[in-house]
Amino acid sequence: MIMNSRRVPQQTPGDVNARIEQEMRARVARFRNASPAVISQRLAELEQEWDIERVLEANAATVSLLGLTLGATRDRRWFMLPALVGGFLLQHAVQGWCPPLGVFRRMGIRTQREIDEERFALKVLRGDFRHVDSDDAHLASTDAVLRSVRR
């Protein structure tokens, strides 16, 4: 059983992970010489990006509600759809994989960790961490380090 922040990438084909990583690297590279205001705009966009967990949850809820509605108004066999979706969600919770995951990953939907990697790379480019000397980071106050990360 895979129980860590890398469980989705571990269950995703390598070529899909490589494409997602390559696209993120290209986006960060475009901001290497950007102004802090432009980087801040991209950071705001990242705050709005849905991660794979949220997409799976929203998709599951939508399909379940559709199945319940169709089961109540058309044919009782539609009630199997929410049961199937519930099984997929349980499988994802336990294994980090479910059938829709591959489709969404191929669409470029990222994990929260992948989004955060881009976010922190952009914060480094913007200079958010320049006041915390990496050699003396262990000497910096906890509040100063956390303020740098939370910006």
C-alpha atoms as a PDB file:
ATOM      1  CA  MET A   1       0.000   0.000   0.000  1.00  0.00           C
ATOM      2  CA  ILE A   2       1.421   3.382  -1.045  1.00  0.00           C
ATOM      3  CA  MET A   3       0.801   6.045   1.602  1.00  0.00           C
ATOM      4  CA  ASN A   4       2.813   9.149   0.790  1.00  0.00           C
ATOM      5  CA  SER A   5       2.689  12.350  -1.204  1.00  0.00           C
ATOM      6  CA  ARG A   6       4.149  10.603  -4.251  1.00  0.00           C
ATOM      7  CA  ARG A   7       1.507   7.888  -4.528  1.00  0.00           C
ATOM      8  CA  VAL A   8      -0.253   9.418  -7.542  1.00  0.00           C
ATOM      9  CA  PRO A   9       2.964   9.898  -9.572  1.00  0.00           C
ATOM     10  CA  GLN A  10       4.006   6.356  -8.629  1.00  0.00           C
ATOM     11  CA  GLN A  11       0.745   5.109 -10.125  1.00  0.00           C
ATOM     12  CA  THR A  12       1.079   7.298 -13.246  1.00  0.00           C
ATOM     13  CA  PRO A  13       2.976   6.145 -16.356  1.00  0.00           C
ATOM     14  CA  GLY A  14       6.496   7.559 -16.537  1.00  0.00           C
ATOM     15  CA  ASP A  15       5.927   9.349 -19.831  1.00  0.00           C
ATOM     16  CA  VAL A  16       2.971  11.231 -18.352  1.00  0.00           C
ATOM     17  CA  ASN A  17       4.985  12.246 -15.271  1.00  0.00           C
ATOM     18  CA  ALA A  18       7.866  13.337 -17.526  1.00  0.00           C
ATOM     19  CA  ARG A  19       5.541  15.500 -19.633  1.00  0.00           C
ATOM     20  CA  ILE A  20       4.017  17.140 -16.559  1.00  0.00           C
ATOM     21  CA  GLU A  21       7.530  17.827 -15.188  1.00  0.00           C
ATOM     22  CA  GLN A  22       8.769  19.167 -18.533  1.00  0.00           C
ATOM     23  CA  GLU A  23       5.803  21.526 -18.836  1.00  0.00           C
ATOM     24  CA  MET A  24       6.394  22.826 -15.314  1.00  0.00           C
ATOM     25  CA  ARG A  25      10.096  23.387 -16.034  1.00  0.00           C
ATOM     26  CA  ALA A  26       9.226  25.294 -19.200  1.00  0.00           C
ATOM     27  CA  ARG A  27       6.763  27.505 -17.303  1.00  0.00           C
ATOM     28  CA  VAL A  28       9.329  28.297 -14.601  1.00  0.00           C
ATOM     29  CA  ALA A  29      11.993  29.009 -17.239  1.00  0.00           C
ATOM     30  CA  ARG A  30       9.710  31.607 -18.858  1.00  0.00           C
ATOM     31  CA  PHE A  31       9.727  33.541 -15.570  1.00  0.00           C
ATOM     32  CA  ARG A  32      13.504  33.573 -14.994  1.00  0.00           C
ATOM     33  CA  ASN A  33      13.808  37.252 -15.953  1.00  0.00           C
ATOM     34  CA  ALA A  34      10.254  38.331 -15.175  1.00  0.00           C
ATOM     35  CA  SER A  35       9.409  41.138 -12.815  1.00  0.00           C
ATOM     36  CA  PRO A  36       8.139  40.302  -9.319  1.00  0.00           C
ATOM     37  CA  ALA A  37       4.693  41.580 -10.343  1.00  0.00           C
ATOM     38  CA  VAL A  38       4.505  39.143 -13.269  1.00  0.00           C
ATOM     39  CA  ILE A  39       5.649  36.278 -11.041  1.00  0.00           C
ATOM     40  CA  SER A  40       3.056  37.300  -8.442  1.00  0.00           C
ATOM     41  CA  GLN A  41       0.369  37.084 -11.119  1.00  0.00           C
ATOM     42  CA  ARG A  42       1.440  33.515 -11.964  1.00  0.00           C
ATOM     43  CA  LEU A  43       1.462  32.638  -8.252  1.00  0.00           C
ATOM     44  CA  ALA A  44      -2.118  33.891  -8.009  1.00  0.00           C
ATOM     45  CA  GLU A  45      -3.039  31.636 -10.934  1.00  0.00           C
ATOM     46  CA  LEU A  46      -1.433  28.669  -9.150  1.00  0.00           C
ATOM     47  CA  GLU A  47      -3.596  29.377  -6.107  1.00  0.00           C
ATOM     48  CA  GLN A  48      -6.641  28.773  -8.329  1.00  0.00           C
ATOM     49  CA  GLU A  49      -5.344  25.573  -9.986  1.00  0.00           C
ATOM     50  CA  TRP A  50      -7.239  22.434  -9.028  1.00  0.00           C
ATOM     51  CA  ASP A  51      -5.074  19.499  -7.990  1.00  0.00           C
ATOM     52  CA  ILE A  52      -5.800  15.890  -8.933  1.00  0.00           C
ATOM     53  CA  GLU A  53      -7.534  15.144  -5.627  1.00  0.00           C
ATOM     54  CA  ARG A  54      -9.995  18.005  -6.078  1.00  0.00           C
ATOM     55  CA  VAL A  55     -10.667  17.058  -9.697  1.00  0.00           C
ATOM     56  CA  LEU A  56     -11.308  13.427  -8.727  1.00  0.00           C
ATOM     57  CA  GLU A  57     -13.630  14.477  -5.900  1.00  0.00           C
ATOM     58  CA  ALA A  58     -15.609  16.890  -8.080  1.00  0.00           C
ATOM     59  CA  ASN A  59     -15.858  14.349 -10.884  1.00  0.00           C
ATOM     60  CA  ALA A  60     -16.970  11.607  -8.485  1.00  0.00           C
ATOM     61  CA  ALA A  61     -19.615  13.842  -6.913  1.00  0.00           C
ATOM     62  CA  THR A  62     -20.945  14.887 -10.318  1.00  0.00           C
ATOM     63  CA  VAL A  63     -21.139  11.348 -11.670  1.00  0.00           C
ATOM     64  CA  SER A  64     -22.680  10.081  -8.416  1.00  0.00           C
ATOM     65  CA  LEU A  65     -25.371  12.763  -8.446  1.00  0.00           C
ATOM     66  CA  LEU A  66     -26.073  12.021 -12.091  1.00  0.00           C
ATOM     67  CA  GLY A  67     -26.427   8.308 -11.303  1.00  0.00           C
ATOM     68  CA  LEU A  68     -28.731   9.017  -8.368  1.00  0.00           C
ATOM     69  CA  THR A  69     -30.881  11.345 -10.465  1.00  0.00           C
ATOM     70  CA  LEU A  70     -31.110   8.884 -13.341  1.00  0.00           C
ATOM     71  CA  GLY A  71     -31.791   6.030 -10.928  1.00  0.00           C
ATOM     72  CA  ALA A  72     -34.634   7.939  -9.311  1.00  0.00           C
ATOM     73  CA  THR A  73     -36.172   9.238 -12.548  1.00  0.00           C
ATOM     74  CA  ARG A  74     -35.316   6.739 -15.310  1.00  0.00           C
ATOM     75  CA  ASP A  75     -34.181   3.260 -14.349  1.00  0.00           C
ATOM     76  CA  ARG A  76     -33.045   1.775 -11.029  1.00  0.00           C
ATOM     77  CA  ARG A  77     -30.005   0.235 -12.725  1.00  0.00           C
ATOM     78  CA  TRP A  78     -28.463   3.725 -12.778  1.00  0.00           C
ATOM     79  CA  PHE A  79     -27.983   3.352  -9.008  1.00  0.00           C
ATOM     80  CA  MET A  80     -25.007   1.114  -9.849  1.00  0.00           C
ATOM     81  CA  LEU A  81     -23.121   4.171 -11.107  1.00  0.00           C
ATOM     82  CA  PRO A  82     -22.731   5.867  -7.685  1.00  0.00           C
ATOM     83  CA  ALA A  83     -21.711   2.499  -6.218  1.00  0.00           C
ATOM     84  CA  LEU A  84     -19.026   2.132  -8.880  1.00  0.00           C
ATOM     85  CA  VAL A  85     -17.785   5.680  -8.255  1.00  0.00           C
ATOM     86  CA  GLY A  86     -17.646   4.995  -4.510  1.00  0.00           C
ATOM     87  CA  GLY A  87     -15.509   1.942  -5.214  1.00  0.00           C
ATOM     88  CA  PHE A  88     -13.168   4.024  -7.367  1.00  0.00           C
ATOM     89  CA  LEU A  89     -12.795   6.602  -4.592  1.00  0.00           C
ATOM     90  CA  LEU A  90     -12.040   3.902  -2.040  1.00  0.00           C
ATOM     91  CA  GLN A  91      -9.488   2.351  -4.380  1.00  0.00           C
ATOM     92  CA  HIS A  92      -7.844   5.755  -4.854  1.00  0.00           C
ATOM     93  CA  ALA A  93      -7.761   6.380  -1.092  1.00  0.00           C
ATOM     94  CA  VAL A  94      -6.085   3.014  -0.459  1.00  0.00           C
ATOM     95  CA  GLN A  95      -3.831   2.593  -3.500  1.00  0.00           C
ATOM     96  CA  GLY A  96      -3.419   6.069  -4.962  1.00  0.00           C
ATOM     97  CA  TRP A  97      -4.932   4.856  -8.217  1.00  0.00           C
ATOM     98  CA  CYS A  98      -8.364   4.567  -9.808  1.00  0.00           C
ATOM     99  CA  PRO A  99      -9.454   4.312 -13.458  1.00  0.00           C
ATOM    100  CA  PRO A 100     -10.200   8.040 -13.988  1.00  0.00           C
ATOM    101  CA  LEU A 101      -6.777   9.009 -12.612  1.00  0.00           C
ATOM    102  CA  GLY A 102      -4.963   8.072 -15.817  1.00  0.00           C
ATOM    103  CA  VAL A 103      -7.319  10.171 -17.914  1.00  0.00           C
ATOM    104  CA  PHE A 104      -6.921  13.250 -15.718  1.00  0.00           C
ATOM    105  CA  ARG A 105      -3.138  12.885 -15.473  1.00  0.00           C
ATOM    106  CA  ARG A 106      -2.897  12.649 -19.262  1.00  0.00           C
ATOM    107  CA  MET A 107      -4.890  15.916 -19.346  1.00  0.00           C
ATOM    108  CA  GLY A 108      -2.080  17.463 -17.267  1.00  0.00           C
ATOM    109  CA  ILE A 109      -3.867  17.606 -13.912  1.00  0.00           C
ATOM    110  CA  ARG A 110      -1.157  17.831 -11.263  1.00  0.00           C
ATOM    111  CA  THR A 111      -0.826  16.785  -7.665  1.00  0.00           C
ATOM    112  CA  GLN A 112      -0.688  19.448  -4.953  1.00  0.00           C
ATOM    113  CA  ARG A 113       2.997  18.629  -4.500  1.00  0.00           C
ATOM    114  CA  GLU A 114       3.681  19.280  -8.207  1.00  0.00           C
ATOM    115  CA  ILE A 115       1.830  22.598  -8.029  1.00  0.00           C
ATOM    116  CA  ASP A 116       3.773  23.520  -4.881  1.00  0.00           C
ATOM    117  CA  GLU A 117       7.095  22.759  -6.599  1.00  0.00           C
ATOM    118  CA  GLU A 118       6.290  25.337  -9.269  1.00  0.00           C
ATOM    119  CA  ARG A 119       5.065  27.762  -6.619  1.00  0.00           C
ATOM    120  CA  PHE A 120       8.289  27.533  -4.598  1.00  0.00           C
ATOM    121  CA  ALA A 121      10.492  27.769  -7.697  1.00  0.00           C
ATOM    122  CA  LEU A 122       8.704  30.992  -8.645  1.00  0.00           C
ATOM    123  CA  LYS A 123       9.086  32.328  -5.110  1.00  0.00           C
ATOM    124  CA  VAL A 124      12.816  31.688  -5.323  1.00  0.00           C
ATOM    125  CA  LEU A 125      12.930  33.593  -8.635  1.00  0.00           C
ATOM    126  CA  ARG A 126      10.922  36.434  -7.109  1.00  0.00           C
ATOM    127  CA  GLY A 127      13.444  36.638  -4.262  1.00  0.00           C
ATOM    128  CA  ASP A 128      11.158  35.658  -1.408  1.00  0.00           C
ATOM    129  CA  PHE A 129      13.909  33.727   0.364  1.00  0.00           C
ATOM    130  CA  ARG A 130      16.854  36.070  -0.123  1.00  0.00           C
ATOM    131  CA  HIS A 131      16.678  37.385   3.444  1.00  0.00           C
ATOM    132  CA  VAL A 132      17.143  33.861   4.846  1.00  0.00           C
ATOM    133  CA  ASP A 133      20.762  32.886   4.195  1.00  0.00           C
ATOM    134  CA  SER A 134      20.744  29.207   3.273  1.00  0.00           C
ATOM    135  CA  ASP A 135      24.027  28.601   5.144  1.00  0.00           C
ATOM    136  CA  ASP A 136      22.565  30.146   8.297  1.00  0.00           C
ATOM    137  CA  ALA A 137      18.945  29.013   7.864  1.00  0.00           C
ATOM    138  CA  HIS A 138      19.236  26.878  10.972  1.00  0.00           C
ATOM    139  CA  LEU A 139      20.063  30.064  12.906  1.00  0.00           C
ATOM    140  CA  ALA A 140      17.142  32.052  11.492  1.00  0.00           C
ATOM    141  CA  SER A 141      14.072  32.371  13.635  1.00  0.00           C
ATOM    142  CA  THR A 142      11.294  29.931  12.993  1.00  0.00           C
ATOM    143  CA  ASP A 143       8.949  32.851  12.297  1.00  0.00           C
ATOM    144  CA  ALA A 144      11.308  34.278   9.647  1.00  0.00           C
ATOM    145  CA  VAL A 145      11.595  30.940   7.863  1.00  0.00           C
ATOM    146  CA  LEU A 146       7.836  30.338   7.940  1.00  0.00           C
ATOM    147  CA  ARG A 147       7.111  33.888   6.728  1.00  0.00           C
ATOM    148  CA  SER A 148       9.387  33.238   3.746  1.00  0.00           C
ATOM    149  CA  VAL A 149       7.601  30.047   2.847  1.00  0.00           C
ATOM    150  CA  ARG A 150       4.091  31.458   3.303  1.00  0.00           C
ATOM    151  CA  ARG A 151       4.541  34.535   1.112  1.00  0.00           C
END
